[in-house]
C-alpha atoms as a PDB file:
ATOM      1  CA  UNK A   1      -0.101  -0.127   0.161  1.00  0.00           C
ATOM      2  CA  UNK A   2       1.422   3.475  -0.833  1.00  0.00           C
ATOM      3  CA  UNK A   3       2.203   5.781   2.033  1.00  0.00           C
ATOM      4  CA  UNK A   4      -0.210   8.730   2.666  1.00  0.00           C
ATOM      5  CA  UNK A   5       2.408  11.022   2.215  1.00  0.00           C
ATOM      6  CA  UNK A   6       2.860   9.902  -1.165  1.00  0.00           C
ATOM      7  CA  UNK A   7      -0.470   8.965  -1.962  1.00  0.00           C
ATOM      8  CA  UNK A   8      -1.275  12.912  -1.415  1.00  0.00           C
ATOM      9  CA  UNK A   9       1.911  14.275  -3.325  1.00  0.00           C
ATOM     10  CA  UNK A  10       0.983  11.935  -6.404  1.00  0.00           C
ATOM     11  CA  UNK A  11      -2.733  13.258  -5.949  1.00  0.00           C
ATOM     12  CA  UNK A  12      -1.875  16.809  -6.094  1.00  0.00           C
ATOM     13  CA  UNK A  13       0.893  16.660  -8.625  1.00  0.00           C
ATOM     14  CA  UNK A  14      -1.393  15.324 -11.127  1.00  0.00           C
ATOM     15  CA  UNK A  15      -4.524  17.758 -10.197  1.00  0.00           C
ATOM     16  CA  UNK A  16      -1.788  20.290 -10.523  1.00  0.00           C
ATOM     17  CA  UNK A  17      -0.558  19.117 -13.841  1.00  0.00           C
ATOM     18  CA  UNK A  18      -4.118  18.699 -15.195  1.00  0.00           C
ATOM     19  CA  UNK A  19      -5.051  22.668 -14.247  1.00  0.00           C
ATOM     20  CA  UNK A  20      -1.720  23.705 -15.869  1.00  0.00           C
ATOM     21  CA  UNK A  21      -2.417  21.799 -19.216  1.00  0.00           C
ATOM     22  CA  UNK A  22      -5.762  22.785 -19.027  1.00  0.00           C
ATOM     23  CA  UNK A  23      -5.635  26.457 -18.737  1.00  0.00           C
ATOM     24  CA  UNK A  24      -2.286  27.441 -20.057  1.00  0.00           C
ATOM     25  CA  UNK A  25      -2.125  25.370 -22.994  1.00  0.00           C
ATOM     26  CA  UNK A  26      -5.972  24.963 -23.842  1.00  0.00           C
ATOM     27  CA  UNK A  27      -7.897  27.861 -22.205  1.00  0.00           C
ATOM     28  CA  UNK A  28      -5.273  30.813 -22.511  1.00  0.00           C
ATOM     29  CA  UNK A  29      -4.862  30.515 -26.620  1.00  0.00           C
ATOM     30  CA  UNK A  30      -8.305  29.308 -27.355  1.00  0.00           C
ATOM     31  CA  UNK A  31      -9.801  32.683 -25.435  1.00  0.00           C
ATOM     32  CA  UNK A  32      -8.298  34.954 -28.026  1.00  0.00           C
ATOM     33  CA  UNK A  33      -9.848  32.985 -31.106  1.00  0.00           C
ATOM     34  CA  UNK A  34     -13.397  33.577 -29.722  1.00  0.00           C
ATOM     35  CA  UNK A  35     -15.788  36.169 -31.542  1.00  0.00           C
ATOM     36  CA  UNK A  36     -15.449  39.459 -30.197  1.00  0.00           C
ATOM     37  CA  UNK A  37     -12.824  39.079 -27.940  1.00  0.00           C
ATOM     38  CA  UNK A  38     -10.263  41.523 -28.222  1.00  0.00           C
ATOM     39  CA  UNK A  39      -6.758  41.672 -26.942  1.00  0.00           C
ATOM     40  CA  UNK A  40      -7.686  43.996 -23.725  1.00  0.00           C
ATOM     41  CA  UNK A  41     -10.276  41.656 -23.242  1.00  0.00           C
ATOM     42  CA  UNK A  42      -8.455  38.785 -23.414  1.00  0.00           C
ATOM     43  CA  UNK A  43      -5.791  40.076 -21.247  1.00  0.00           C
ATOM     44  CA  UNK A  44      -8.240  40.943 -18.794  1.00  0.00           C
ATOM     45  CA  UNK A  45      -9.770  37.448 -18.539  1.00  0.00           C
ATOM     46  CA  UNK A  46      -5.938  36.077 -19.090  1.00  0.00           C
ATOM     47  CA  UNK A  47      -4.785  38.308 -15.854  1.00  0.00           C
ATOM     48  CA  UNK A  48      -7.848  37.058 -13.386  1.00  0.00           C
ATOM     49  CA  UNK A  49      -7.379  33.630 -14.544  1.00  0.00           C
ATOM     50  CA  UNK A  50      -3.688  33.342 -14.139  1.00  0.00           C
ATOM     51  CA  UNK A  51      -3.734  35.137 -11.301  1.00  0.00           C
ATOM     52  CA  UNK A  52      -6.329  32.259  -9.581  1.00  0.00           C
ATOM     53  CA  UNK A  53      -3.938  29.584 -11.116  1.00  0.00           C
ATOM     54  CA  UNK A  54      -1.061  30.804  -9.697  1.00  0.00           C
ATOM     55  CA  UNK A  55      -2.623  31.305  -6.318  1.00  0.00           C
ATOM     56  CA  UNK A  56      -3.963  27.698  -6.314  1.00  0.00           C
ATOM     57  CA  UNK A  57      -0.649  26.479  -7.630  1.00  0.00           C
ATOM     58  CA  UNK A  58       1.346  28.267  -4.740  1.00  0.00           C
ATOM     59  CA  UNK A  59      -1.219  26.166  -2.334  1.00  0.00           C
ATOM     60  CA  UNK A  60      -0.615  22.955  -4.429  1.00  0.00           C
ATOM     61  CA  UNK A  61       3.148  23.485  -3.990  1.00  0.00           C
ATOM     62  CA  UNK A  62       2.841  23.745  -0.437  1.00  0.00           C
ATOM     63  CA  UNK A  63       0.976  20.679  -0.089  1.00  0.00           C
ATOM     64  CA  UNK A  64       3.501  18.814  -2.582  1.00  0.00           C
ATOM     65  CA  UNK A  65       6.639  20.041  -0.523  1.00  0.00           C
ATOM     66  CA  UNK A  66       4.645  19.217   3.046  1.00  0.00           C
ATOM     67  CA  UNK A  67       3.918  15.588   1.923  1.00  0.00           C
ATOM     68  CA  UNK A  68       7.320  15.050   0.203  1.00  0.00           C
ATOM     69  CA  UNK A  69       9.103  15.841   3.635  1.00  0.00           C
ATOM     70  CA  UNK A  70       6.349  13.902   5.581  1.00  0.00           C
ATOM     71  CA  UNK A  71       6.857  10.797   3.611  1.00  0.00           C
ATOM     72  CA  UNK A  72      10.684  11.148   3.464  1.00  0.00           C
ATOM     73  CA  UNK A  73      10.736  10.835  -0.191  1.00  0.00           C
ATOM     74  CA  UNK A  74      13.747   9.774  -2.404  1.00  0.00           C
ATOM     75  CA  UNK A  75      16.591  12.103  -3.497  1.00  0.00           C
ATOM     76  CA  UNK A  76      15.139  12.109  -6.687  1.00  0.00           C
ATOM     77  CA  UNK A  77      11.418  12.975  -5.633  1.00  0.00           C
ATOM     78  CA  UNK A  78      13.243  15.859  -3.658  1.00  0.00           C
ATOM     79  CA  UNK A  79      14.919  17.170  -6.372  1.00  0.00           C
ATOM     80  CA  UNK A  80      11.747  17.194  -8.702  1.00  0.00           C
ATOM     81  CA  UNK A  81       9.996  18.833  -6.102  1.00  0.00           C
ATOM     82  CA  UNK A  82      12.484  21.342  -5.816  1.00  0.00           C
ATOM     83  CA  UNK A  83      12.419  21.964  -9.506  1.00  0.00           C
ATOM     84  CA  UNK A  84       8.762  22.520  -9.864  1.00  0.00           C
ATOM     85  CA  UNK A  85       9.104  24.892  -6.795  1.00  0.00           C
ATOM     86  CA  UNK A  86      11.804  26.800  -8.309  1.00  0.00           C
ATOM     87  CA  UNK A  87       9.968  26.960 -11.823  1.00  0.00           C
ATOM     88  CA  UNK A  88       6.870  28.254 -10.259  1.00  0.00           C
ATOM     89  CA  UNK A  89       8.747  30.784  -8.363  1.00  0.00           C
ATOM     90  CA  UNK A  90      10.595  32.245 -11.097  1.00  0.00           C
ATOM     91  CA  UNK A  91       7.152  32.489 -13.058  1.00  0.00           C
ATOM     92  CA  UNK A  92       5.592  34.321 -10.239  1.00  0.00           C
ATOM     93  CA  UNK A  93       8.366  36.464  -8.918  1.00  0.00           C
ATOM     94  CA  UNK A  94      10.129  37.336 -12.352  1.00  0.00           C
ATOM     95  CA  UNK A  95       8.185  36.646 -15.533  1.00  0.00           C
ATOM     96  CA  UNK A  96       4.598  37.688 -14.260  1.00  0.00           C
ATOM     97  CA  UNK A  97       5.430  40.955 -12.796  1.00  0.00           C
ATOM     98  CA  UNK A  98       7.054  41.682 -15.898  1.00  0.00           C
ATOM     99  CA  UNK A  99       3.879  40.552 -18.084  1.00  0.00           C
ATOM    100  CA  UNK A 100       1.629  42.294 -15.811  1.00  0.00           C
ATOM    101  CA  UNK A 101       3.273  45.651 -16.513  1.00  0.00           C
ATOM    102  CA  UNK A 102       2.993  45.528 -19.892  1.00  0.00           C
ATOM    103  CA  UNK A 103      -0.567  44.272 -20.030  1.00  0.00           C
ATOM    104  CA  UNK A 104      -1.205  47.221 -17.691  1.00  0.00           C
ATOM    105  CA  UNK A 105      -0.117  49.654 -20.667  1.00  0.00           C
ATOM    106  CA  UNK A 106      -2.394  47.779 -23.173  1.00  0.00           C
ATOM    107  CA  UNK A 107      -5.392  48.095 -20.914  1.00  0.00           C
ATOM    108  CA  UNK A 108      -4.316  51.664 -20.518  1.00  0.00           C
ATOM    109  CA  UNK A 109      -4.926  52.025 -24.171  1.00  0.00           C
ATOM    110  CA  UNK A 110      -1.385  52.062 -24.944  1.00  0.00           C
ATOM    111  CA  UNK A 111      -0.633  50.854 -28.458  1.00  0.00           C
ATOM    112  CA  UNK A 112       2.387  48.431 -28.134  1.00  0.00           C
ATOM    113  CA  UNK A 113       4.143  46.045 -30.820  1.00  0.00           C
ATOM    114  CA  UNK A 114       3.505  42.755 -30.620  1.00  0.00           C
ATOM    115  CA  UNK A 115       5.456  41.171 -27.549  1.00  0.00           C
ATOM    116  CA  UNK A 116       7.330  38.112 -27.184  1.00  0.00           C
ATOM    117  CA  UNK A 117       7.453  38.314 -23.008  1.00  0.00           C
ATOM    118  CA  UNK A 118       4.896  35.576 -22.737  1.00  0.00           C
ATOM    119  CA  UNK A 119       7.176  33.308 -24.727  1.00  0.00           C
ATOM    120  CA  UNK A 120       9.711  32.593 -21.490  1.00  0.00           C
ATOM    121  CA  UNK A 121       6.204  31.796 -19.303  1.00  0.00           C
ATOM    122  CA  UNK A 122       5.507  29.194 -21.635  1.00  0.00           C
ATOM    123  CA  UNK A 123       8.860  28.120 -21.612  1.00  0.00           C
ATOM    124  CA  UNK A 124       8.624  27.560 -18.189  1.00  0.00           C
ATOM    125  CA  UNK A 125       5.063  26.311 -18.306  1.00  0.00           C
ATOM    126  CA  UNK A 126       6.306  23.669 -20.502  1.00  0.00           C
ATOM    127  CA  UNK A 127       9.350  22.693 -18.403  1.00  0.00           C
ATOM    128  CA  UNK A 128       6.959  22.681 -15.352  1.00  0.00           C
ATOM    129  CA  UNK A 129       4.591  20.075 -17.275  1.00  0.00           C
ATOM    130  CA  UNK A 130       7.711  17.822 -17.671  1.00  0.00           C
ATOM    131  CA  UNK A 131       8.691  18.194 -14.124  1.00  0.00           C
ATOM    132  CA  UNK A 132       5.605  17.693 -12.638  1.00  0.00           C
ATOM    133  CA  UNK A 133       5.128  14.758 -14.531  1.00  0.00           C
ATOM    134  CA  UNK A 134       8.206  13.293 -13.629  1.00  0.00           C
ATOM    135  CA  UNK A 135       7.424  14.297  -9.804  1.00  0.00           C
ATOM    136  CA  UNK A 136       4.075  12.321 -10.349  1.00  0.00           C
ATOM    137  CA  UNK A 137       5.835   9.326 -11.811  1.00  0.00           C
ATOM    138  CA  UNK A 138       8.812   9.401  -9.242  1.00  0.00           C
ATOM    139  CA  UNK A 139       6.430   9.773  -6.565  1.00  0.00           C
ATOM    140  CA  UNK A 140       4.208   6.694  -7.398  1.00  0.00           C
ATOM    141  CA  UNK A 141       7.603   4.428  -8.294  1.00  0.00           C
ATOM    142  CA  UNK A 142       8.549   5.212  -4.557  1.00  0.00           C
END
């Protein structure tokens, strides 16, 4: 039988993975294709959605860290947990503030050239998806 800490860590990791996949790789790009959704409206919706996602991610990260520590997990599991936590911290502490400053300007009506700033967020999300998948598998493998 799988220990409680490992079961919690695995469940939370896969819920987190599903949320990132659904929001970052499905909802975010599709909202801009919906009829009548302008760049400012899409940015406004995106800011709300990603603020909520990132808040939930922070809570899930804490739960995973506590579960991994409580389970006295393997070095691989601890390392992958650290990787996921660092990726999230970089997104929240470095990339999101830059994206927010730019979207503030667009929402204020400023005409700006197309930005590539979101590509760093997408790259981090992609790395986080890989790390979450690896973490979930590592936790289940024991």
